Amino acid sequence: MRGVLGNLRFLILVILLSACGLATTRPKEDMSYAASAFWAAKAAKANVLAPGFFRKAEYYYLKAKSSYKRKYFNKAKQYAILSRKFSEKAEFVAVRKASLDDQ
């Protein structure tokens, strides 16, 4: 009887631990949005016209990719959202500066 209870406890523990890994979903959409925003900022020459925002966007983009590879999906999602935010700011500032320089 004691061996059966020990095996049952072990089985329940394994099921609970494996369920935790299944509860987190991969942030594919957030990673895709972050990558698109980052490359759009780069295309707008934000690395020259808005270097502060662009550096932050690049930093968080690389952190998101690293976290995603290590399967830290919650962190990857947070970093992807931050990267997207800073990429969009960098692109906006770059486009605004470029349009003001043309006038």
C-alpha atoms as a PDB file:
ATOM      1  CA  MET A   1       0.000   0.000   0.000  1.00  0.00           C
ATOM      2  CA  ARG A   2       2.820   2.375   0.863  1.00  0.00           C
ATOM      3  CA  GLY A   3       4.506   1.844  -2.521  1.00  0.00           C
ATOM      4  CA  VAL A   4       1.260   2.587  -4.348  1.00  0.00           C
ATOM      5  CA  LEU A   5       0.802   5.876  -2.469  1.00  0.00           C
ATOM      6  CA  GLY A   6       4.399   6.890  -3.200  1.00  0.00           C
ATOM      7  CA  ASN A   7       3.933   6.142  -6.906  1.00  0.00           C
ATOM      8  CA  LEU A   8       0.638   8.014  -6.942  1.00  0.00           C
ATOM      9  CA  ARG A   9       2.213  11.081  -5.318  1.00  0.00           C
ATOM     10  CA  PHE A  10       5.068  10.965  -7.802  1.00  0.00           C
ATOM     11  CA  LEU A  11       2.623  10.701 -10.706  1.00  0.00           C
ATOM     12  CA  ILE A  12       0.590  13.669  -9.439  1.00  0.00           C
ATOM     13  CA  LEU A  13       3.767  15.729  -9.004  1.00  0.00           C
ATOM     14  CA  VAL A  14       4.896  14.943 -12.568  1.00  0.00           C
ATOM     15  CA  ILE A  15       1.474  15.882 -13.973  1.00  0.00           C
ATOM     16  CA  LEU A  16       1.407  19.179 -12.066  1.00  0.00           C
ATOM     17  CA  LEU A  17       4.906  20.144 -13.168  1.00  0.00           C
ATOM     18  CA  SER A  18       4.253  19.303 -16.801  1.00  0.00           C
ATOM     19  CA  ALA A  19       0.975  21.242 -16.755  1.00  0.00           C
ATOM     20  CA  CYS A  20       2.821  24.400 -15.708  1.00  0.00           C
ATOM     21  CA  GLY A  21       4.881  24.299 -18.893  1.00  0.00           C
ATOM     22  CA  LEU A  22       1.799  23.837 -21.015  1.00  0.00           C
ATOM     23  CA  ALA A  23      -0.037  26.800 -19.508  1.00  0.00           C
ATOM     24  CA  THR A  24       2.331  29.354 -21.058  1.00  0.00           C
ATOM     25  CA  THR A  25       1.807  30.063 -24.727  1.00  0.00           C
ATOM     26  CA  ARG A  26       4.474  31.200 -27.137  1.00  0.00           C
ATOM     27  CA  PRO A  27       4.235  34.938 -27.838  1.00  0.00           C
ATOM     28  CA  LYS A  28       4.580  34.501 -31.618  1.00  0.00           C
ATOM     29  CA  GLU A  29       2.359  37.452 -32.455  1.00  0.00           C
ATOM     30  CA  ASP A  30       4.137  39.834 -30.079  1.00  0.00           C
ATOM     31  CA  MET A  31       7.532  38.736 -31.389  1.00  0.00           C
ATOM     32  CA  SER A  32       6.378  39.290 -34.952  1.00  0.00           C
ATOM     33  CA  TYR A  33       5.055  42.770 -34.165  1.00  0.00           C
ATOM     34  CA  ALA A  34       8.284  43.665 -32.374  1.00  0.00           C
ATOM     35  CA  ALA A  35      10.395  42.491 -35.311  1.00  0.00           C
ATOM     36  CA  SER A  36       8.265  44.407 -37.819  1.00  0.00           C
ATOM     37  CA  ALA A  37       8.387  47.591 -35.763  1.00  0.00           C
ATOM     38  CA  PHE A  38      12.134  47.263 -35.248  1.00  0.00           C
ATOM     39  CA  TRP A  39      12.851  46.796 -38.964  1.00  0.00           C
ATOM     40  CA  ALA A  40      10.519  49.670 -39.850  1.00  0.00           C
ATOM     41  CA  ALA A  41      12.419  51.930 -37.450  1.00  0.00           C
ATOM     42  CA  LYS A  42      15.689  50.805 -38.989  1.00  0.00           C
ATOM     43  CA  ALA A  43      14.345  51.521 -42.480  1.00  0.00           C
ATOM     44  CA  ALA A  44      13.358  55.024 -41.338  1.00  0.00           C
ATOM     45  CA  LYS A  45      16.997  55.566 -40.269  1.00  0.00           C
ATOM     46  CA  ALA A  46      16.019  55.859 -36.635  1.00  0.00           C
ATOM     47  CA  ASN A  47      19.489  54.664 -35.649  1.00  0.00           C
ATOM     48  CA  VAL A  48      20.771  58.051 -36.893  1.00  0.00           C
ATOM     49  CA  LEU A  49      17.789  60.340 -36.314  1.00  0.00           C
ATOM     50  CA  ALA A  50      16.514  58.926 -32.998  1.00  0.00           C
ATOM     51  CA  PRO A  51      19.434  56.939 -31.536  1.00  0.00           C
ATOM     52  CA  GLY A  52      18.191  56.878 -27.921  1.00  0.00           C
ATOM     53  CA  PHE A  53      14.849  55.282 -28.679  1.00  0.00           C
ATOM     54  CA  PHE A  54      16.413  53.025 -31.306  1.00  0.00           C
ATOM     55  CA  ARG A  55      19.032  51.697 -28.890  1.00  0.00           C
ATOM     56  CA  LYS A  56      16.360  50.881 -26.317  1.00  0.00           C
ATOM     57  CA  ALA A  57      14.262  49.165 -28.998  1.00  0.00           C
ATOM     58  CA  GLU A  58      17.246  47.106 -30.130  1.00  0.00           C
ATOM     59  CA  TYR A  59      18.152  46.169 -26.562  1.00  0.00           C
ATOM     60  CA  TYR A  60      14.651  44.923 -25.762  1.00  0.00           C
ATOM     61  CA  TYR A  61      14.338  43.187 -29.136  1.00  0.00           C
ATOM     62  CA  LEU A  62      17.522  41.202 -28.506  1.00  0.00           C
ATOM     63  CA  LYS A  63      16.389  40.398 -24.940  1.00  0.00           C
ATOM     64  CA  ALA A  64      13.034  39.193 -26.302  1.00  0.00           C
ATOM     65  CA  LYS A  65      14.735  36.922 -28.841  1.00  0.00           C
ATOM     66  CA  SER A  66      17.071  35.536 -26.198  1.00  0.00           C
ATOM     67  CA  SER A  67      14.236  34.883 -23.738  1.00  0.00           C
ATOM     68  CA  TYR A  68      12.166  33.230 -26.453  1.00  0.00           C
ATOM     69  CA  LYS A  69      15.035  30.885 -27.344  1.00  0.00           C
ATOM     70  CA  ARG A  70      15.398  29.931 -23.682  1.00  0.00           C
ATOM     71  CA  LYS A  71      11.639  29.339 -23.493  1.00  0.00           C
ATOM     72  CA  TYR A  72      11.023  32.152 -20.982  1.00  0.00           C
ATOM     73  CA  PHE A  73       7.868  33.116 -22.819  1.00  0.00           C
ATOM     74  CA  ASN A  74       6.479  35.532 -20.210  1.00  0.00           C
ATOM     75  CA  LYS A  75       9.695  37.558 -20.233  1.00  0.00           C
ATOM     76  CA  ALA A  76       9.913  37.351 -24.030  1.00  0.00           C
ATOM     77  CA  LYS A  77       6.433  38.820 -24.314  1.00  0.00           C
ATOM     78  CA  GLN A  78       7.278  41.696 -21.942  1.00  0.00           C
ATOM     79  CA  TYR A  79      10.480  42.493 -23.816  1.00  0.00           C
ATOM     80  CA  ALA A  80       8.742  42.249 -27.200  1.00  0.00           C
ATOM     81  CA  ILE A  81       6.095  44.739 -26.099  1.00  0.00           C
ATOM     82  CA  LEU A  82       8.771  47.152 -24.851  1.00  0.00           C
ATOM     83  CA  SER A  83      10.753  46.744 -28.064  1.00  0.00           C
ATOM     84  CA  ARG A  84       7.699  47.491 -30.149  1.00  0.00           C
ATOM     85  CA  LYS A  85       6.916  50.579 -28.082  1.00  0.00           C
ATOM     86  CA  PHE A  86      10.416  52.028 -28.417  1.00  0.00           C
ATOM     87  CA  SER A  87      10.652  51.051 -32.092  1.00  0.00           C
ATOM     88  CA  GLU A  88       7.450  52.908 -32.862  1.00  0.00           C
ATOM     89  CA  LYS A  89       8.659  55.972 -30.950  1.00  0.00           C
ATOM     90  CA  ALA A  90      11.999  55.854 -32.752  1.00  0.00           C
ATOM     91  CA  GLU A  91      10.327  55.532 -36.151  1.00  0.00           C
ATOM     92  CA  PHE A  92       7.946  58.407 -35.413  1.00  0.00           C
ATOM     93  CA  VAL A  93      10.758  60.717 -34.305  1.00  0.00           C
ATOM     94  CA  ALA A  94      12.902  59.731 -37.290  1.00  0.00           C
ATOM     95  CA  VAL A  95      10.118  60.342 -39.810  1.00  0.00           C
ATOM     96  CA  ARG A  96       9.248  63.665 -38.158  1.00  0.00           C
ATOM     97  CA  LYS A  97      12.874  64.817 -38.180  1.00  0.00           C
ATOM     98  CA  ALA A  98      13.335  63.715 -41.778  1.00  0.00           C
ATOM     99  CA  SER A  99      10.226  65.617 -42.878  1.00  0.00           C
ATOM    100  CA  LEU A 100      11.307  68.761 -41.012  1.00  0.00           C
ATOM    101  CA  ASP A 101      14.747  68.587 -42.631  1.00  0.00           C
ATOM    102  CA  ASP A 102      13.173  68.403 -46.105  1.00  0.00           C
ATOM    103  CA  GLN A 103      11.311  71.685 -45.657  1.00  0.00           C
END
